[in-house]
N, C-alpha and C. Protein backbone atom coordinates (compact mmCIF):
# COMPACT_ATOMS: atom_id res chain seq x y z
N GLN A 1 -157.14 94.41 -80.10
CA GLN A 1 -156.75 93.11 -79.04
C GLN A 1 -157.80 92.62 -78.09
N VAL A 2 -157.81 91.45 -77.76
CA VAL A 2 -158.69 90.76 -77.25
C VAL A 2 -158.53 91.14 -75.77
N GLN A 3 -159.90 91.00 -75.29
CA GLN A 3 -160.20 91.22 -74.02
C GLN A 3 -160.51 90.14 -73.23
N LEU A 4 -159.96 90.04 -71.91
CA LEU A 4 -160.55 88.74 -71.23
C LEU A 4 -161.21 89.35 -69.95
N VAL A 5 -162.20 88.74 -69.46
CA VAL A 5 -162.83 89.53 -68.15
C VAL A 5 -162.89 88.06 -67.69
N GLU A 6 -162.25 88.10 -65.97
CA GLU A 6 -162.63 87.01 -65.20
C GLU A 6 -163.78 87.22 -64.46
N SER A 7 -164.46 86.23 -64.03
CA SER A 7 -165.86 86.36 -62.80
C SER A 7 -165.42 84.92 -62.02
N GLY A 8 -166.24 85.03 -60.94
CA GLY A 8 -166.44 83.99 -60.23
C GLY A 8 -165.73 83.59 -59.12
N GLY A 9 -164.88 84.49 -58.69
CA GLY A 9 -163.89 84.66 -57.57
C GLY A 9 -164.84 84.81 -56.34
N GLY A 10 -164.43 84.71 -54.92
CA GLY A 10 -165.19 84.93 -53.91
C GLY A 10 -164.43 84.35 -52.63
N LEU A 11 -165.41 84.13 -51.50
CA LEU A 11 -164.86 83.63 -50.39
C LEU A 11 -165.50 82.84 -50.04
N VAL A 12 -164.41 81.19 -49.96
CA VAL A 12 -165.30 80.04 -49.58
C VAL A 12 -164.19 79.30 -48.50
N GLN A 13 -165.12 78.30 -47.50
CA GLN A 13 -164.37 77.72 -46.94
C GLN A 13 -163.41 76.66 -47.44
N ALA A 14 -162.65 76.51 -46.84
CA ALA A 14 -161.71 75.15 -46.77
C ALA A 14 -162.25 73.81 -46.98
N GLY A 15 -162.02 73.41 -48.19
CA GLY A 15 -163.06 72.28 -48.60
C GLY A 15 -163.93 72.36 -49.57
N GLY A 16 -164.42 73.53 -49.96
CA GLY A 16 -165.30 74.05 -50.76
C GLY A 16 -164.95 74.20 -52.30
N SER A 17 -165.82 74.74 -52.98
CA SER A 17 -165.70 74.68 -54.44
C SER A 17 -165.98 76.24 -55.01
N LEU A 18 -165.38 76.47 -56.22
CA LEU A 18 -165.58 77.80 -56.65
C LEU A 18 -165.63 77.11 -58.29
N ARG A 19 -166.00 77.98 -59.19
CA ARG A 19 -166.19 78.01 -60.61
C ARG A 19 -166.07 79.07 -61.30
N LEU A 20 -164.43 79.38 -62.08
CA LEU A 20 -164.07 80.81 -62.20
C LEU A 20 -164.54 80.89 -63.76
N SER A 21 -164.84 81.71 -64.32
CA SER A 21 -165.17 82.07 -65.54
C SER A 21 -164.11 83.28 -66.52
N CYS A 22 -163.65 82.93 -67.48
CA CYS A 22 -162.83 84.06 -68.28
C CYS A 22 -163.76 84.17 -69.80
N ALA A 23 -164.57 85.26 -70.00
CA ALA A 23 -165.19 85.16 -71.18
C ALA A 23 -163.83 86.51 -71.98
N ALA A 24 -163.78 85.87 -73.13
CA ALA A 24 -163.04 86.58 -74.20
C ALA A 24 -163.72 87.49 -75.12
N SER A 25 -163.32 88.68 -75.80
CA SER A 25 -163.73 89.20 -76.57
C SER A 25 -164.19 88.88 -77.94
N PHE A 26 -163.04 87.74 -78.36
CA PHE A 26 -163.11 87.10 -79.65
C PHE A 26 -161.76 85.89 -79.34
N SER A 27 -161.84 85.15 -80.45
CA SER A 27 -160.38 84.10 -80.40
C SER A 27 -161.03 83.23 -79.69
N VAL A 28 -160.31 82.03 -80.11
CA VAL A 28 -160.41 80.90 -79.48
C VAL A 28 -158.99 80.11 -79.50
N ASN A 29 -158.31 81.10 -79.09
CA ASN A 29 -156.63 80.38 -79.08
C ASN A 29 -156.70 79.76 -77.42
N PRO A 30 -155.38 79.07 -77.74
CA PRO A 30 -155.36 78.32 -75.91
C PRO A 30 -155.26 79.39 -75.01
N MET A 31 -155.61 79.12 -73.82
CA MET A 31 -156.19 80.04 -72.76
C MET A 31 -155.36 78.94 -71.20
N ALA A 32 -155.47 80.05 -70.70
CA ALA A 32 -154.73 79.28 -69.00
C ALA A 32 -155.03 80.17 -68.02
N TRP A 33 -155.07 79.29 -66.83
CA TRP A 33 -155.27 80.23 -65.59
C TRP A 33 -153.93 80.35 -64.77
N PHE A 34 -153.54 81.31 -64.16
CA PHE A 34 -152.25 81.63 -63.31
C PHE A 34 -152.83 82.26 -62.10
N ARG A 35 -152.11 82.29 -61.19
CA ARG A 35 -152.58 82.93 -59.81
C ARG A 35 -151.45 83.52 -59.05
N GLN A 36 -151.67 84.62 -58.30
CA GLN A 36 -150.90 85.40 -57.63
C GLN A 36 -151.19 85.61 -56.20
N ALA A 37 -150.57 84.75 -55.41
CA ALA A 37 -150.74 85.19 -53.93
C ALA A 37 -150.05 86.60 -53.25
N PRO A 38 -150.39 87.38 -52.32
CA PRO A 38 -149.53 88.36 -51.90
C PRO A 38 -148.03 87.65 -51.55
N GLY A 39 -147.23 88.99 -52.19
CA GLY A 39 -146.21 88.64 -51.54
C GLY A 39 -145.28 87.50 -52.58
N LYS A 40 -146.06 86.99 -53.53
CA LYS A 40 -145.28 85.74 -54.28
C LYS A 40 -145.63 85.98 -55.64
N GLU A 41 -144.87 85.57 -56.26
CA GLU A 41 -144.85 85.52 -57.85
C GLU A 41 -145.96 84.92 -58.38
N ARG A 42 -146.27 85.20 -59.83
CA ARG A 42 -147.43 84.55 -60.43
C ARG A 42 -146.95 83.27 -60.83
N GLU A 43 -148.14 82.34 -60.49
CA GLU A 43 -147.96 80.77 -61.02
C GLU A 43 -148.92 80.35 -61.68
N PHE A 44 -148.17 79.34 -62.71
CA PHE A 44 -149.13 78.54 -63.70
C PHE A 44 -149.97 77.59 -62.72
N VAL A 45 -151.11 77.87 -62.74
CA VAL A 45 -152.40 76.82 -62.56
C VAL A 45 -152.90 75.79 -63.34
N ALA A 46 -153.28 76.17 -64.80
CA ALA A 46 -153.86 75.38 -65.80
C ALA A 46 -154.17 75.84 -67.20
N THR A 47 -153.70 75.06 -68.21
CA THR A 47 -153.68 75.64 -69.61
C THR A 47 -154.78 74.77 -70.32
N ILE A 48 -155.22 75.10 -71.47
CA ILE A 48 -156.20 74.34 -72.46
C ILE A 48 -155.77 74.66 -73.72
N SER A 49 -155.77 73.91 -74.30
CA SER A 49 -155.35 73.63 -76.19
C SER A 49 -156.57 74.63 -76.73
N ARG A 50 -156.57 75.01 -77.67
CA ARG A 50 -157.50 75.65 -78.60
C ARG A 50 -158.70 74.51 -78.68
N SER A 51 -158.56 73.37 -79.09
CA SER A 51 -159.87 72.34 -79.04
C SER A 51 -160.26 71.74 -77.94
N GLY A 52 -159.57 72.19 -76.61
CA GLY A 52 -159.94 71.59 -75.38
C GLY A 52 -159.51 70.11 -75.18
N ALA A 53 -158.89 69.79 -76.35
CA ALA A 53 -158.41 68.14 -75.79
C ALA A 53 -157.11 68.04 -75.03
N SER A 54 -156.24 69.02 -74.89
CA SER A 54 -155.02 68.95 -74.26
C SER A 54 -155.36 69.76 -73.00
N LYS A 55 -154.73 69.50 -71.83
CA LYS A 55 -154.85 70.21 -70.74
C LYS A 55 -153.60 69.90 -69.96
N TYR A 56 -153.12 70.66 -69.33
CA TYR A 56 -151.94 70.55 -68.07
C TYR A 56 -152.38 71.29 -66.86
N TYR A 57 -151.75 70.99 -65.94
CA TYR A 57 -152.11 71.45 -64.45
C TYR A 57 -150.72 71.31 -63.97
N SER A 58 -150.90 72.49 -62.86
CA SER A 58 -149.48 72.34 -62.18
C SER A 58 -149.47 71.20 -61.05
N ASP A 59 -148.68 70.75 -60.60
CA ASP A 59 -148.70 69.73 -59.51
C ASP A 59 -149.77 70.13 -58.31
N SER A 60 -149.98 71.26 -58.01
CA SER A 60 -150.39 71.57 -56.82
C SER A 60 -152.20 71.55 -56.88
N VAL A 61 -152.49 71.69 -58.08
CA VAL A 61 -153.74 71.77 -58.36
C VAL A 61 -154.29 70.39 -58.99
N LYS A 62 -153.23 69.31 -59.56
CA LYS A 62 -153.86 68.15 -60.24
C LYS A 62 -154.82 67.54 -59.29
N GLY A 63 -155.76 67.05 -60.16
CA GLY A 63 -156.79 66.36 -59.17
C GLY A 63 -157.91 67.14 -58.49
N ARG A 64 -157.93 68.37 -58.13
CA ARG A 64 -158.57 69.20 -57.63
C ARG A 64 -159.42 70.04 -58.51
N PHE A 65 -158.75 70.70 -59.60
CA PHE A 65 -159.07 71.65 -60.16
C PHE A 65 -159.33 71.02 -61.78
N THR A 66 -160.39 71.54 -62.34
CA THR A 66 -160.56 71.21 -63.74
C THR A 66 -160.56 72.43 -64.65
N ILE A 67 -159.87 72.46 -65.83
CA ILE A 67 -160.01 73.37 -66.89
C ILE A 67 -160.81 73.02 -67.92
N SER A 68 -161.70 73.90 -68.40
CA SER A 68 -162.46 73.28 -69.72
C SER A 68 -162.83 74.71 -70.43
N ARG A 69 -163.45 74.55 -71.48
CA ARG A 69 -163.78 75.82 -72.41
C ARG A 69 -164.88 75.60 -73.42
N ASP A 70 -165.71 76.69 -73.78
CA ASP A 70 -166.78 76.81 -74.40
C ASP A 70 -166.47 77.59 -75.89
N ASN A 71 -165.97 77.28 -76.87
CA ASN A 71 -165.83 78.22 -77.71
C ASN A 71 -166.94 78.45 -78.40
N ALA A 72 -167.95 78.22 -78.31
CA ALA A 72 -169.06 78.88 -78.88
C ALA A 72 -169.30 80.21 -77.98
N LYS A 73 -168.80 80.29 -76.90
CA LYS A 73 -168.92 81.38 -76.17
C LYS A 73 -167.57 82.43 -75.65
N ASN A 74 -166.33 81.47 -76.41
CA ASN A 74 -165.43 82.44 -76.43
C ASN A 74 -164.92 82.44 -74.84
N THR A 75 -165.59 81.02 -74.18
CA THR A 75 -165.09 81.51 -72.73
C THR A 75 -164.51 80.32 -71.84
N VAL A 76 -163.22 80.14 -71.47
CA VAL A 76 -162.94 79.25 -70.26
C VAL A 76 -163.09 79.33 -68.88
N PHE A 77 -163.32 77.84 -68.29
CA PHE A 77 -163.83 78.02 -66.86
C PHE A 77 -162.46 77.02 -66.28
N LEU A 78 -162.83 77.44 -64.89
CA LEU A 78 -161.83 76.84 -63.57
C LEU A 78 -162.66 76.11 -62.62
N GLN A 79 -163.13 74.92 -62.47
CA GLN A 79 -163.60 74.58 -61.50
C GLN A 79 -162.65 74.02 -60.38
N MET A 80 -163.04 74.53 -59.20
CA MET A 80 -161.83 74.46 -57.97
C MET A 80 -162.57 73.90 -57.44
N ASN A 81 -162.10 72.54 -56.71
CA ASN A 81 -162.71 71.79 -55.66
C ASN A 81 -161.81 71.39 -54.36
N SER A 82 -162.32 70.90 -53.64
CA SER A 82 -161.38 70.74 -52.46
C SER A 82 -160.57 71.91 -52.08
N LEU A 83 -160.92 73.25 -52.12
CA LEU A 83 -160.04 74.27 -52.05
C LEU A 83 -159.29 74.15 -50.88
N LYS A 84 -158.18 74.88 -50.58
CA LYS A 84 -156.93 74.91 -49.32
C LYS A 84 -156.95 76.50 -49.30
N PRO A 85 -156.34 76.85 -48.03
CA PRO A 85 -155.81 78.05 -47.68
C PRO A 85 -154.94 78.48 -48.68
N GLU A 86 -154.26 77.47 -49.02
CA GLU A 86 -152.84 77.89 -49.65
C GLU A 86 -153.38 78.28 -51.37
N ASP A 87 -154.76 78.01 -51.72
CA ASP A 87 -155.29 78.22 -52.80
C ASP A 87 -155.57 79.60 -53.05
N ALA A 88 -155.69 80.39 -51.99
CA ALA A 88 -156.23 81.92 -51.69
C ALA A 88 -155.15 82.57 -52.55
N ALA A 89 -155.56 83.48 -53.70
CA ALA A 89 -154.98 84.20 -54.64
C ALA A 89 -155.71 85.02 -55.60
N VAL A 90 -154.88 85.89 -56.29
CA VAL A 90 -155.68 86.30 -57.45
C VAL A 90 -155.71 85.90 -58.60
N TYR A 91 -156.70 85.19 -59.24
CA TYR A 91 -156.35 84.52 -60.63
C TYR A 91 -156.93 84.98 -61.78
N TYR A 92 -156.00 84.80 -62.78
CA TYR A 92 -155.95 85.68 -63.99
C TYR A 92 -155.97 84.30 -65.02
N CYS A 93 -156.79 85.07 -66.13
CA CYS A 93 -156.92 84.04 -67.22
C CYS A 93 -156.08 84.70 -67.98
N ALA A 94 -155.36 84.02 -69.22
CA ALA A 94 -154.77 84.22 -70.42
C ALA A 94 -154.79 83.83 -71.39
N MET A 95 -154.29 84.26 -72.40
CA MET A 95 -154.64 83.93 -73.58
C MET A 95 -153.19 83.65 -74.53
N GLY A 96 -152.64 82.54 -75.38
CA GLY A 96 -151.67 83.07 -75.98
C GLY A 96 -151.75 81.95 -77.22
N ILE A 97 -150.79 81.34 -77.87
CA ILE A 97 -150.61 80.65 -79.00
C ILE A 97 -150.16 79.18 -78.89
N ALA A 98 -150.37 78.85 -77.80
CA ALA A 98 -149.76 77.19 -77.26
C ALA A 98 -150.12 77.22 -75.92
N PRO A 99 -150.47 76.36 -75.41
CA PRO A 99 -150.58 75.65 -74.30
C PRO A 99 -149.54 75.51 -73.29
N VAL A 100 -148.92 76.48 -73.19
CA VAL A 100 -147.38 76.24 -72.51
C VAL A 100 -147.82 76.91 -70.71
N THR A 101 -146.80 76.40 -70.07
CA THR A 101 -147.00 76.57 -68.78
C THR A 101 -146.28 77.95 -68.08
N VAL A 102 -145.68 78.75 -69.19
CA VAL A 102 -144.88 79.55 -68.70
C VAL A 102 -145.64 81.16 -68.95
N ILE A 103 -145.66 82.02 -68.20
CA ILE A 103 -146.09 83.37 -68.15
C ILE A 103 -145.55 83.97 -69.29
N SER A 104 -144.41 83.91 -69.92
CA SER A 104 -144.36 84.60 -71.25
C SER A 104 -144.58 83.90 -72.61
N GLY A 105 -145.50 82.89 -72.05
CA GLY A 105 -146.10 82.25 -73.67
C GLY A 105 -147.37 82.99 -73.56
N TYR A 106 -147.91 83.92 -72.99
CA TYR A 106 -149.18 84.64 -72.94
C TYR A 106 -149.06 86.14 -73.11
N ASP A 107 -149.64 86.73 -73.70
CA ASP A 107 -149.82 88.03 -74.34
C ASP A 107 -150.85 88.73 -73.94
N ASN A 108 -151.57 88.04 -73.82
CA ASN A 108 -153.20 88.78 -73.35
C ASN A 108 -153.59 88.31 -72.20
N TRP A 109 -153.90 89.43 -70.74
CA TRP A 109 -154.17 88.73 -69.87
C TRP A 109 -155.63 89.73 -69.17
N GLY A 110 -156.16 89.06 -68.52
CA GLY A 110 -157.56 89.59 -67.71
C GLY A 110 -157.02 90.82 -66.10
N GLN A 111 -157.84 90.97 -66.03
CA GLN A 111 -157.56 91.79 -64.66
C GLN A 111 -157.46 90.80 -63.31
N GLY A 112 -157.96 89.80 -63.17
CA GLY A 112 -157.92 88.70 -62.22
C GLY A 112 -159.10 88.97 -61.49
N THR A 113 -159.23 87.68 -60.77
CA THR A 113 -160.61 87.95 -59.66
C THR A 113 -159.95 87.08 -58.42
N PRO A 114 -160.06 87.71 -57.10
CA PRO A 114 -159.85 87.21 -56.11
C PRO A 114 -160.49 86.14 -55.55
N VAL A 115 -159.83 85.02 -55.07
CA VAL A 115 -160.08 83.79 -54.22
C VAL A 115 -159.80 83.88 -52.91
N THR A 116 -160.55 83.88 -51.92
CA THR A 116 -160.02 83.46 -50.59
C THR A 116 -160.77 82.63 -50.31
N VAL A 117 -159.88 81.82 -49.52
CA VAL A 117 -160.31 80.24 -48.56
C VAL A 117 -159.94 80.61 -47.12
N SER A 118 -161.16 80.34 -46.44
CA SER A 118 -161.05 80.43 -45.07
C SER A 118 -160.80 79.16 -44.24
N SER A 119 -159.93 79.06 -43.27
CA SER A 119 -159.66 77.67 -42.98
C SER A 119 -160.86 77.46 -41.72
C-alpha cells in the first residue's frame, strides 16, 4: 500500500503563506488535499490529475491556493497564500484513482500536517 507523508505545516500570521508537501512512496495517481478543523468534518481543498493538467479547488480557497505535482519525485504540493484564520486545520493529502472532490474517492491517506493561522 502506498504511504503518504505530509510536511510543511506550521504557524503563520493571517495574510502569510505556507507550502505543504506530500511525498508518496510510489505511484503517480491523482492526489488531493483535504482539511479538518477541530469539531468540523473533513472537507475537500484541492485535487490534481495524474498528469497535472486538471486541477479543482474548493470555492473557499480558489484564487489563494495552488496545487501542483512533481511526478519524478512522487510529490504533490499545496501553495497556500493570503491565509486566513479560517484556513487553520489539519491538512491531509490523499491518493485516489480520479481527481474527484469527495472523501470516498480516495483510499490512501497521510497522517496530516497542522496549519495554524494567527489573526
